[in-house]
Amino acid sequence: MLKLITESTKALLLALWAACVLSLLSIIPEPYARTVLIVGAVVLLVHFVEYLLVRSKVAERLGGNTGFIGTMAFGFGYWLPVLRSTQHEQ
């Protein structure tokens, strides 16, 4: 069930990031483009806070790699499986 949730989250976030790029290229019309960009900015801010909270745990599990790009793009869809997989190995 967790895998379904994380994979669904990743797919939705990929769609959001694609929509943000399309709105930056003025392919999505106003006022929708502004809404998409605001939602994207809020998600990016939330992911940054998330990164600040989990970076030491992720770096510990990944041998120094803090997973910045993965966390900024996918949030908990990136770091939660990393933390859970290393807990199951121990």
Protein backbone atom coordinates (compact mmCIF):
# COMPACT_ATOMS: atom_id res chain seq x y z
CA MET A 1 0.00 0.00 0.00
CA LEU A 2 2.84 2.38 0.83
CA LYS A 3 4.43 1.70 -2.55
CA LEU A 4 1.15 2.57 -4.30
CA ILE A 5 0.91 5.83 -2.36
CA THR A 6 4.52 6.87 -3.05
CA GLU A 7 4.32 5.95 -6.74
CA SER A 8 1.01 7.81 -7.11
CA THR A 9 2.51 10.84 -5.38
CA LYS A 10 5.50 10.78 -7.73
CA ALA A 11 3.23 10.59 -10.78
CA LEU A 12 1.08 13.49 -9.58
CA LEU A 13 4.16 15.58 -8.83
CA LEU A 14 5.62 14.85 -12.27
CA ALA A 15 2.35 16.07 -13.76
CA LEU A 16 2.51 19.21 -11.59
CA TRP A 17 6.12 19.96 -12.61
CA ALA A 18 5.20 19.43 -16.28
CA ALA A 19 2.25 21.81 -15.87
CA CYS A 20 4.58 24.38 -14.27
CA VAL A 21 6.95 24.18 -17.23
CA LEU A 22 4.04 24.52 -19.65
CA SER A 23 2.73 27.56 -17.80
CA LEU A 24 6.19 29.14 -17.80
CA LEU A 25 6.25 28.65 -21.58
CA SER A 26 2.83 30.37 -21.78
CA ILE A 27 1.19 27.25 -23.18
CA ILE A 28 -1.34 27.16 -20.35
CA PRO A 29 -3.62 30.22 -20.57
CA GLU A 30 -4.18 32.76 -17.82
CA PRO A 31 -5.57 32.63 -15.10
CA TYR A 32 -4.76 28.90 -14.95
CA ALA A 33 -1.06 29.46 -15.48
CA ARG A 34 -0.83 31.70 -12.43
CA THR A 35 -2.69 29.15 -10.30
CA VAL A 36 -0.41 26.33 -11.47
CA LEU A 37 2.68 28.39 -10.67
CA ILE A 38 1.37 29.32 -7.21
CA VAL A 39 0.63 25.67 -6.43
CA GLY A 40 4.08 24.71 -7.73
CA ALA A 41 5.76 27.36 -5.58
CA VAL A 42 3.89 26.21 -2.47
CA VAL A 43 4.81 22.57 -3.12
CA LEU A 44 8.44 23.56 -3.68
CA LEU A 45 8.47 25.47 -0.38
CA VAL A 46 6.94 22.52 1.47
CA HIS A 47 9.51 20.17 -0.08
CA PHE A 48 12.34 22.49 0.97
CA VAL A 49 11.13 22.46 4.59
CA GLU A 50 10.79 18.68 4.30
CA TYR A 51 14.38 18.47 3.03
CA LEU A 52 15.65 20.51 5.96
CA LEU A 53 13.89 18.15 8.37
CA VAL A 54 15.08 14.83 6.90
CA ARG A 55 18.42 15.56 5.23
CA SER A 56 20.58 14.21 8.06
CA LYS A 57 18.64 10.93 8.22
CA VAL A 58 18.76 10.48 4.45
CA ALA A 59 22.47 11.37 4.31
CA GLU A 60 23.15 8.83 7.03
CA ARG A 61 21.35 6.11 5.05
CA LEU A 62 22.82 7.06 1.65
CA GLY A 63 26.43 7.53 2.69
CA GLY A 64 26.55 11.33 2.62
CA ASN A 65 24.13 11.96 -0.26
CA THR A 66 21.43 14.23 1.17
CA GLY A 67 18.97 13.60 -1.66
CA PHE A 68 18.30 17.28 -2.35
CA ILE A 69 17.06 16.90 -5.94
CA GLY A 70 14.94 13.85 -5.15
CA THR A 71 13.35 15.51 -2.14
CA MET A 72 12.69 18.77 -3.96
CA ALA A 73 11.05 16.92 -6.86
CA PHE A 74 9.17 14.16 -5.05
CA GLY A 75 9.09 15.04 -1.34
CA PHE A 76 8.25 12.07 0.87
CA GLY A 77 7.88 9.94 -2.27
CA TYR A 78 11.68 10.03 -2.46
CA TRP A 79 12.92 9.89 1.11
CA LEU A 80 10.32 7.68 2.81
CA PRO A 81 11.19 4.55 0.78
CA VAL A 82 14.89 5.24 1.40
CA LEU A 83 14.37 5.38 5.16
CA ARG A 84 12.02 2.39 5.22
CA SER A 85 14.27 0.18 3.08
CA THR A 86 17.27 0.73 5.33
CA GLN A 87 15.17 0.05 8.44
CA HIS A 88 14.10 -3.31 7.00
CA GLU A 89 17.72 -4.22 6.23
CA GLN A 90 18.83 -3.72 9.82
